[in-house]
Amino acid sequence: MPAKEILQEARKLHKVSESLDALAQQHAPVAEGLTILAGTVRNSAALLEVLVALRLGPEPGLDAASNWINGAEVRDPQRRIPATGDRAELWGRDPI
């Protein structure tokens, strides 16, 4: 299933981002650059998750690679993007 493989790659990217953040804390001379790179990698992982959600739709038994939505931690791991409705309904605005 393509969604499963893509979400696995997103998980790997989240781990790389965490490693870069840890390195940034340990190495002050390059901390700013590592922090920027960690954020970029984290954003790439989030984009993969969004791509799966929008293009491939939710599948039974698959969890998001992270519990973060819009920069806020989701406390309910069962929360999912709705599988029905058009984009205007999902995002509260007219589709592009």
Protein backbone atom coordinates (compact mmCIF):
# COMPACT_ATOMS: atom_id res chain seq x y z
CA MET A 1 0.00 0.00 0.00
CA PRO A 2 1.60 3.32 -1.03
CA ALA A 3 0.19 5.22 1.95
CA LYS A 4 1.93 2.92 4.40
CA GLU A 5 5.32 3.29 2.71
CA ILE A 6 5.00 7.08 2.47
CA LEU A 7 4.06 7.34 6.16
CA GLN A 8 7.06 5.17 7.05
CA GLU A 9 9.29 7.66 5.23
CA ALA A 10 7.60 10.51 7.12
CA ARG A 11 8.40 8.72 10.40
CA LYS A 12 12.04 8.45 9.35
CA LEU A 13 12.12 12.17 8.57
CA HIS A 14 10.68 12.97 12.01
CA LYS A 15 13.48 10.93 13.60
CA VAL A 16 16.10 12.77 11.53
CA SER A 17 14.58 16.08 12.63
CA GLU A 18 14.77 15.04 16.29
CA SER A 19 18.42 14.01 15.84
CA LEU A 20 19.28 17.35 14.26
CA ASP A 21 17.57 19.19 17.14
CA ALA A 22 19.61 17.16 19.64
CA LEU A 23 22.83 17.96 17.78
CA ALA A 24 21.90 21.64 17.75
CA GLN A 25 21.69 21.61 21.55
CA GLN A 26 25.12 20.01 21.81
CA HIS A 27 27.00 22.16 19.30
CA ALA A 28 26.47 25.88 19.83
CA PRO A 29 28.57 27.10 16.86
CA VAL A 30 26.24 25.40 14.36
CA ALA A 31 23.06 25.33 16.45
CA GLU A 32 21.15 27.88 14.37
CA GLY A 33 21.83 26.08 11.09
CA LEU A 34 20.97 22.68 12.53
CA THR A 35 17.75 24.03 14.02
CA ILE A 36 16.73 25.49 10.65
CA LEU A 37 17.50 22.19 8.91
CA ALA A 38 15.57 20.25 11.57
CA GLY A 39 12.53 22.44 10.94
CA THR A 40 12.78 21.97 7.20
CA VAL A 41 12.98 18.18 7.57
CA ARG A 42 10.04 18.23 10.02
CA ASN A 43 7.99 20.29 7.55
CA SER A 44 8.80 17.83 4.77
CA ALA A 45 7.53 14.97 6.93
CA ALA A 46 4.32 16.89 7.63
CA LEU A 47 3.83 17.54 3.91
CA LEU A 48 4.11 13.82 3.21
CA GLU A 49 1.43 13.16 5.82
CA VAL A 50 -0.84 15.78 4.27
CA LEU A 51 -0.25 14.33 0.81
CA VAL A 52 -1.31 10.89 2.02
CA ALA A 53 -4.38 12.30 3.78
CA LEU A 54 -5.55 14.36 0.81
CA ARG A 55 -4.64 12.13 -2.12
CA LEU A 56 -4.80 8.60 -0.78
CA GLY A 57 -7.28 9.08 2.05
CA PRO A 58 -7.24 7.49 5.47
CA GLU A 59 -6.85 3.73 5.60
CA PRO A 60 -7.87 1.44 8.44
CA GLY A 61 -5.04 0.67 10.84
CA LEU A 62 -2.72 3.45 9.64
CA ASP A 63 -1.65 6.14 12.07
CA ALA A 64 -0.10 9.47 11.18
CA ALA A 65 3.67 9.55 11.49
CA SER A 66 3.30 12.23 14.15
CA ASN A 67 0.71 13.55 16.55
CA TRP A 68 1.12 17.17 15.43
CA ILE A 69 -1.45 19.15 13.49
CA ASN A 70 -1.01 22.86 12.76
CA GLY A 71 1.89 23.07 15.22
CA ALA A 72 -0.17 21.84 18.19
CA GLU A 73 0.17 18.40 19.72
CA VAL A 74 -2.94 16.28 19.30
CA ARG A 75 -3.87 14.70 22.62
CA ASP A 76 -6.33 12.26 21.04
CA PRO A 77 -4.38 9.81 18.80
CA GLN A 78 -7.67 8.62 17.26
CA ARG A 79 -8.33 12.06 15.72
CA ARG A 80 -8.39 11.82 11.94
CA ILE A 81 -8.92 14.11 8.98
CA PRO A 82 -12.52 13.52 7.82
CA ALA A 83 -12.80 11.07 4.94
CA THR A 84 -15.93 12.71 3.55
CA GLY A 85 -16.72 16.17 2.28
CA ASP A 86 -15.01 18.39 -0.21
CA ARG A 87 -11.97 20.53 0.50
CA ALA A 88 -14.09 23.63 1.08
CA GLU A 89 -15.93 21.80 3.84
CA LEU A 90 -12.72 20.38 5.34
CA TRP A 91 -10.81 23.67 5.37
CA GLY A 92 -13.71 26.11 5.78
CA ARG A 93 -13.09 28.02 2.56
CA ASP A 94 -13.68 27.86 -1.16
CA PRO A 95 -11.60 25.33 -3.08
CA ILE A 96 -8.79 26.71 -5.20
